[in-house]
N, C-alpha and C. Protein backbone atom coordinates (compact mmCIF):
# COMPACT_ATOMS: atom_id res chain seq x y z
N MET A 1 -13.11 12.88 7.36
CA MET A 1 -14.61 13.06 7.60
C MET A 1 -15.24 13.93 7.60
N SER A 2 -16.00 14.14 7.26
CA SER A 2 -17.70 15.49 7.15
C SER A 2 -17.75 16.28 8.10
N GLU A 3 -17.62 17.39 7.92
CA GLU A 3 -17.81 18.09 9.52
C GLU A 3 -19.29 19.08 8.72
N TYR A 4 -20.27 19.32 10.01
CA TYR A 4 -21.28 20.21 9.42
C TYR A 4 -21.54 21.30 10.29
N LEU A 5 -22.28 21.98 9.81
CA LEU A 5 -22.86 23.08 10.96
C LEU A 5 -24.07 23.25 10.45
N CYS A 6 -24.68 23.81 12.37
CA CYS A 6 -26.20 23.70 12.00
C CYS A 6 -26.62 25.00 11.58
N LEU A 7 -27.71 24.80 10.90
CA LEU A 7 -28.50 26.29 10.21
C LEU A 7 -29.98 26.14 10.75
N THR A 8 -30.64 27.18 11.36
CA THR A 8 -31.30 27.02 11.72
C THR A 8 -32.70 28.21 11.12
N LEU A 9 -33.76 28.47 10.26
CA LEU A 9 -34.18 28.28 9.26
C LEU A 9 -35.26 29.19 10.20
N ILE A 10 -35.81 30.30 9.72
CA ILE A 10 -36.65 31.29 11.30
C ILE A 10 -37.88 31.28 10.04
N ALA A 11 -39.08 31.17 10.95
CA ALA A 11 -40.29 31.59 9.90
C ALA A 11 -40.04 33.44 10.47
N GLU A 12 -41.16 33.03 9.22
CA GLU A 12 -41.61 35.39 9.69
C GLU A 12 -42.80 34.99 10.73
N ALA A 13 -42.62 36.25 11.53
CA ALA A 13 -43.28 36.90 12.14
C ALA A 13 -44.84 36.18 12.39
N GLY A 14 -45.52 35.75 12.97
CA GLY A 14 -46.77 35.07 13.01
C GLY A 14 -46.94 33.83 12.37
N GLU A 15 -46.37 33.30 11.58
CA GLU A 15 -45.85 31.92 10.79
C GLU A 15 -46.52 31.27 11.60
N THR A 16 -47.69 29.86 11.23
CA THR A 16 -47.70 28.82 11.42
C THR A 16 -47.07 27.99 11.33
N GLU A 17 -46.75 26.85 12.25
CA GLU A 17 -45.67 25.51 11.56
C GLU A 17 -46.06 25.16 10.90
N SER A 18 -47.90 24.58 10.53
CA SER A 18 -48.03 24.81 8.87
C SER A 18 -47.58 24.98 7.79
N ALA A 19 -47.81 26.57 7.62
CA ALA A 19 -47.07 27.09 7.25
C ALA A 19 -46.21 27.61 6.78
N PHE A 20 -44.97 27.52 7.55
CA PHE A 20 -43.64 27.52 7.32
C PHE A 20 -43.25 25.83 6.80
N LYS A 21 -43.72 25.05 7.19
CA LYS A 21 -43.60 23.53 6.55
C LYS A 21 -43.86 23.45 4.88
N ALA A 22 -44.76 24.37 5.04
CA ALA A 22 -45.48 24.23 3.73
C ALA A 22 -43.86 25.23 2.68
N ARG A 23 -43.78 25.97 3.32
CA ARG A 23 -42.29 26.91 2.56
C ARG A 23 -41.09 26.17 2.66
N LEU A 24 -40.86 25.34 3.62
CA LEU A 24 -39.88 24.51 3.76
C LEU A 24 -39.95 23.64 2.56
N THR A 25 -40.92 22.75 2.05
CA THR A 25 -41.63 21.80 1.51
C THR A 25 -41.22 22.26 -0.17
N ALA A 26 -41.49 23.26 -0.57
CA ALA A 26 -41.59 24.24 -1.59
C ALA A 26 -40.18 24.64 -2.18
N PHE A 27 -39.07 25.47 -0.86
CA PHE A 27 -38.09 25.45 -1.14
C PHE A 27 -37.06 24.44 -0.98
N TRP A 28 -36.73 23.67 -0.69
CA TRP A 28 -36.32 22.02 -0.66
C TRP A 28 -37.04 21.16 -1.66
N SER A 29 -38.28 21.33 -2.48
CA SER A 29 -38.30 20.82 -3.96
C SER A 29 -37.57 21.90 -4.69
N HIS A 30 -37.59 22.48 -4.63
CA HIS A 30 -36.62 23.50 -5.26
C HIS A 30 -35.10 23.35 -5.71
N VAL A 31 -34.65 23.29 -4.46
CA VAL A 31 -33.15 23.00 -4.36
C VAL A 31 -32.71 21.60 -5.54
N ILE A 32 -33.36 20.72 -4.50
CA ILE A 32 -33.67 19.09 -5.60
C ILE A 32 -33.54 19.29 -6.75
N ARG A 33 -34.50 20.14 -7.30
CA ARG A 33 -34.47 20.47 -8.89
C ARG A 33 -33.15 20.94 -9.36
N THR A 34 -33.25 22.47 -8.55
CA THR A 34 -32.33 23.63 -9.53
C THR A 34 -30.47 22.86 -8.90
N LEU A 35 -30.58 22.68 -7.62
CA LEU A 35 -29.56 22.78 -6.93
C LEU A 35 -28.96 21.37 -6.32
N PRO A 36 -28.72 19.91 -7.33
CA PRO A 36 -28.93 19.00 -6.76
C PRO A 36 -27.63 18.51 -6.20
N ASP A 37 -26.23 18.85 -6.12
CA ASP A 37 -25.06 19.01 -5.54
C ASP A 37 -25.19 19.69 -4.18
N THR A 38 -25.58 20.77 -4.24
CA THR A 38 -26.00 21.62 -2.64
C THR A 38 -27.04 20.47 -1.95
N TYR A 39 -28.26 20.41 -2.60
CA TYR A 39 -28.73 19.40 -1.91
C TYR A 39 -28.74 18.26 -1.34
N GLU A 40 -27.63 17.64 -1.70
CA GLU A 40 -27.11 16.15 -1.16
C GLU A 40 -25.86 16.75 -0.49
N ALA A 41 -25.58 17.91 0.27
CA ALA A 41 -24.96 18.32 1.30
C ALA A 41 -25.36 18.17 2.44
N VAL A 42 -26.74 18.40 2.49
CA VAL A 42 -28.13 18.65 3.68
C VAL A 42 -27.66 17.02 4.02
N TYR A 43 -27.27 16.72 5.42
CA TYR A 43 -27.39 15.42 5.79
C TYR A 43 -28.55 15.31 6.77
N ALA A 44 -28.82 16.33 7.65
CA ALA A 44 -29.97 15.40 8.13
C ALA A 44 -30.85 17.45 8.63
N GLU A 45 -32.17 16.68 9.45
CA GLU A 45 -33.34 17.60 9.32
C GLU A 45 -33.62 17.08 10.93
N ALA A 46 -33.44 18.30 11.88
CA ALA A 46 -34.35 18.31 12.94
C ALA A 46 -35.55 17.76 13.11
N LYS A 47 -36.13 16.81 14.10
CA LYS A 47 -37.22 15.73 13.50
C LYS A 47 -38.49 16.75 13.97
N HIS A 48 -38.04 17.55 15.16
CA HIS A 48 -39.27 18.36 15.44
C HIS A 48 -39.28 20.15 14.86
N PHE A 49 -39.73 20.82 14.38
CA PHE A 49 -40.43 22.11 15.11
C PHE A 49 -39.81 22.68 16.44
N ASP A 50 -38.95 24.12 16.48
CA ASP A 50 -38.99 24.22 17.24
C ASP A 50 -39.32 25.91 17.24
N SER A 51 -38.91 26.64 19.08
CA SER A 51 -38.81 28.01 18.34
C SER A 51 -37.38 29.09 18.42
N THR A 52 -37.57 29.84 17.72
CA THR A 52 -36.24 30.35 18.16
C THR A 52 -36.56 31.78 18.17
N GLY A 53 -36.67 32.87 19.03
CA GLY A 53 -37.09 34.24 19.10
C GLY A 53 -38.99 34.35 19.10
N GLY A 54 -39.19 33.17 19.69
CA GLY A 54 -40.59 33.39 19.69
C GLY A 54 -40.77 33.20 17.99
N ARG A 55 -40.81 32.40 17.24
CA ARG A 55 -40.91 32.39 15.70
C ARG A 55 -40.48 30.99 15.64
N VAL A 56 -41.48 30.39 14.86
CA VAL A 56 -41.33 28.72 14.38
C VAL A 56 -39.78 28.81 14.12
N SER A 57 -39.30 27.53 14.04
CA SER A 57 -37.73 27.42 13.45
C SER A 57 -37.48 25.74 13.20
N ARG A 58 -36.58 25.62 12.25
CA ARG A 58 -36.34 24.19 12.20
C ARG A 58 -34.97 24.23 11.95
N GLN A 59 -34.07 22.86 12.31
CA GLN A 59 -32.40 23.14 11.79
C GLN A 59 -32.33 21.83 11.23
N TYR A 60 -31.13 22.57 10.08
CA TYR A 60 -30.40 21.59 9.45
C TYR A 60 -28.84 21.27 9.84
N MET A 61 -28.66 20.00 9.58
CA MET A 61 -27.01 20.12 9.40
C MET A 61 -26.46 20.03 8.14
N VAL A 62 -25.80 20.66 8.12
CA VAL A 62 -25.24 21.40 6.59
C VAL A 62 -24.11 20.82 6.40
N GLU A 63 -22.94 20.20 5.26
CA GLU A 63 -22.06 20.40 5.00
C GLU A 63 -21.39 21.65 5.45
N VAL A 64 -19.83 21.22 5.94
CA VAL A 64 -19.23 22.93 6.25
C VAL A 64 -19.24 24.00 4.74
N GLY A 65 -18.84 23.05 3.86
CA GLY A 65 -18.49 23.96 2.56
C GLY A 65 -19.58 24.06 1.78
N ALA A 66 -20.81 23.58 2.13
CA ALA A 66 -21.74 24.16 1.14
C ALA A 66 -23.10 24.79 2.15
N THR A 67 -22.57 25.07 2.99
CA THR A 67 -23.39 26.23 4.26
C THR A 67 -23.61 27.13 3.12
N THR A 68 -22.66 28.36 3.03
CA THR A 68 -22.96 29.15 2.44
C THR A 68 -23.98 29.22 1.15
N ALA A 69 -24.30 27.74 0.25
CA ALA A 69 -25.22 27.77 -0.79
C ALA A 69 -26.25 27.98 -0.81
N VAL A 70 -26.88 26.56 0.30
CA VAL A 70 -27.57 27.15 0.96
C VAL A 70 -28.12 28.11 1.60
N THR A 71 -27.48 28.69 2.36
CA THR A 71 -27.79 30.22 2.91
C THR A 71 -28.38 31.43 1.76
N GLU A 72 -27.54 31.45 0.90
CA GLU A 72 -28.11 31.98 -0.25
C GLU A 72 -29.27 31.93 -0.96
N ALA A 73 -29.07 30.54 -0.76
CA ALA A 73 -30.34 29.71 -1.54
C ALA A 73 -31.56 30.48 -0.91
N LEU A 74 -31.59 29.67 0.67
CA LEU A 74 -33.06 30.28 1.52
C LEU A 74 -33.40 31.61 1.54
N THR A 75 -32.14 32.53 1.19
CA THR A 75 -32.40 33.99 1.42
C THR A 75 -32.95 34.51 0.00
N GLN A 76 -32.50 34.10 -1.20
CA GLN A 76 -32.97 34.04 -2.37
C GLN A 76 -34.57 33.87 -2.02
N GLN A 77 -35.27 33.03 -1.30
CA GLN A 77 -36.47 32.18 -1.51
C GLN A 77 -37.03 33.05 -0.33
N GLY A 78 -36.41 34.09 0.03
CA GLY A 78 -37.06 34.70 1.47
C GLY A 78 -37.05 34.09 3.06
N ILE A 79 -36.62 32.97 3.11
CA ILE A 79 -36.19 32.09 4.12
C ILE A 79 -35.39 32.70 5.23
N ALA A 80 -35.37 33.52 6.55
CA ALA A 80 -34.83 33.79 7.69
C ALA A 80 -34.05 32.82 7.68
N THR A 81 -32.70 33.00 8.72
CA THR A 81 -31.80 31.74 8.96
C THR A 81 -31.22 33.20 10.72
N ALA A 82 -31.29 31.90 11.50
CA ALA A 82 -30.44 32.53 12.57
C ALA A 82 -28.46 32.63 12.22
N PRO A 83 -28.04 33.40 12.70
CA PRO A 83 -26.35 33.25 12.51
C PRO A 83 -25.91 32.15 12.43
N VAL A 84 -25.11 31.67 11.49
CA VAL A 84 -24.05 30.43 11.66
C VAL A 84 -23.03 30.49 12.79
N ASP A 85 -22.75 30.16 13.65
CA ASP A 85 -21.73 29.95 14.46
C ASP A 85 -20.67 28.62 14.13
N THR A 86 -20.12 28.97 12.80
CA THR A 86 -18.70 28.66 12.42
C THR A 86 -17.47 27.92 13.05
N ASP A 87 -17.61 28.01 14.35
CA ASP A 87 -16.66 27.54 15.12
C ASP A 87 -17.25 26.31 15.75
N ASP A 88 -18.71 26.31 15.69
CA ASP A 88 -19.41 24.70 16.40
C ASP A 88 -19.95 23.93 15.02
N LEU A 89 -18.82 23.00 15.04
CA LEU A 89 -18.89 21.77 13.94
C LEU A 89 -19.66 20.78 14.67
N TYR A 90 -20.00 19.74 13.83
CA TYR A 90 -20.14 18.53 14.18
C TYR A 90 -20.05 17.27 13.27
N THR A 91 -19.65 16.19 14.09
CA THR A 91 -19.60 15.54 13.34
C THR A 91 -20.37 14.38 12.54
N LYS A 92 -20.48 13.38 11.74
CA LYS A 92 -21.51 12.80 11.39
C LYS A 92 -22.26 12.08 12.47
N TYR A 93 -21.84 11.87 13.02
CA TYR A 93 -22.25 10.97 14.16
C TYR A 93 -23.08 11.94 15.51
N GLU A 94 -23.02 12.92 15.51
CA GLU A 94 -23.33 13.70 15.96
C GLU A 94 -24.74 14.11 15.68
N ALA A 95 -24.40 14.18 14.32
CA ALA A 95 -25.74 14.31 13.42
C ALA A 95 -26.72 13.43 13.52
N SER A 96 -26.23 12.65 13.92
CA SER A 96 -27.16 11.25 13.76
C SER A 96 -27.74 10.91 14.93
N GLY A 97 -27.85 11.90 15.85
CA GLY A 97 -28.96 11.09 16.52
C GLY A 97 -29.93 10.92 17.07
N SER A 98 -30.81 10.60 17.74
CA SER A 98 -32.14 10.16 17.83
C SER A 98 -33.34 11.77 17.86
N GLU A 99 -32.59 13.02 18.08
CA GLU A 99 -33.65 13.97 17.65
C GLU A 99 -33.34 14.51 16.20
N TRP A 100 -32.73 13.61 14.95
CA TRP A 100 -32.01 13.61 13.79
C TRP A 100 -33.03 13.05 12.81
N PHE A 101 -33.10 13.50 11.50
CA PHE A 101 -33.57 12.72 10.70
C PHE A 101 -32.80 12.72 9.53
N GLN A 102 -32.15 11.65 9.16
CA GLN A 102 -31.04 11.36 8.03
C GLN A 102 -31.71 11.67 6.75
N ILE A 103 -31.40 12.83 5.61
CA ILE A 103 -32.34 12.66 4.85
C ILE A 103 -31.65 11.78 3.58
N ASP A 104 -32.43 11.11 3.37
CA ASP A 104 -31.53 9.77 2.15
C ASP A 104 -31.93 10.71 0.69
N HIS A 105 -30.61 10.47 0.49
CA HIS A 105 -30.73 11.40 -1.27
C HIS A 105 -30.22 10.24 -1.76
């Protein structure tokens, strides 16, 4: 059974939710085209934006083995992430709750 880590992507200081959403859309479109296998490992997206450290944020459930590749791609595109707790693993069942949207691949 696959295990997942929760990645928290964080907007720039003062960036609005709509602006951050646009950047995330551009980022994921880029990943789909250039890193399709990496994109396949992204299992779920939080249904709602949140706030982390006073900035807009959004969480994603990513297969453990793809976390580094996703984080590197985010860094290359200038999208910050909160530190990942590699001991906090989730099952597919836990990543399928009502607060998550499963990504259709």
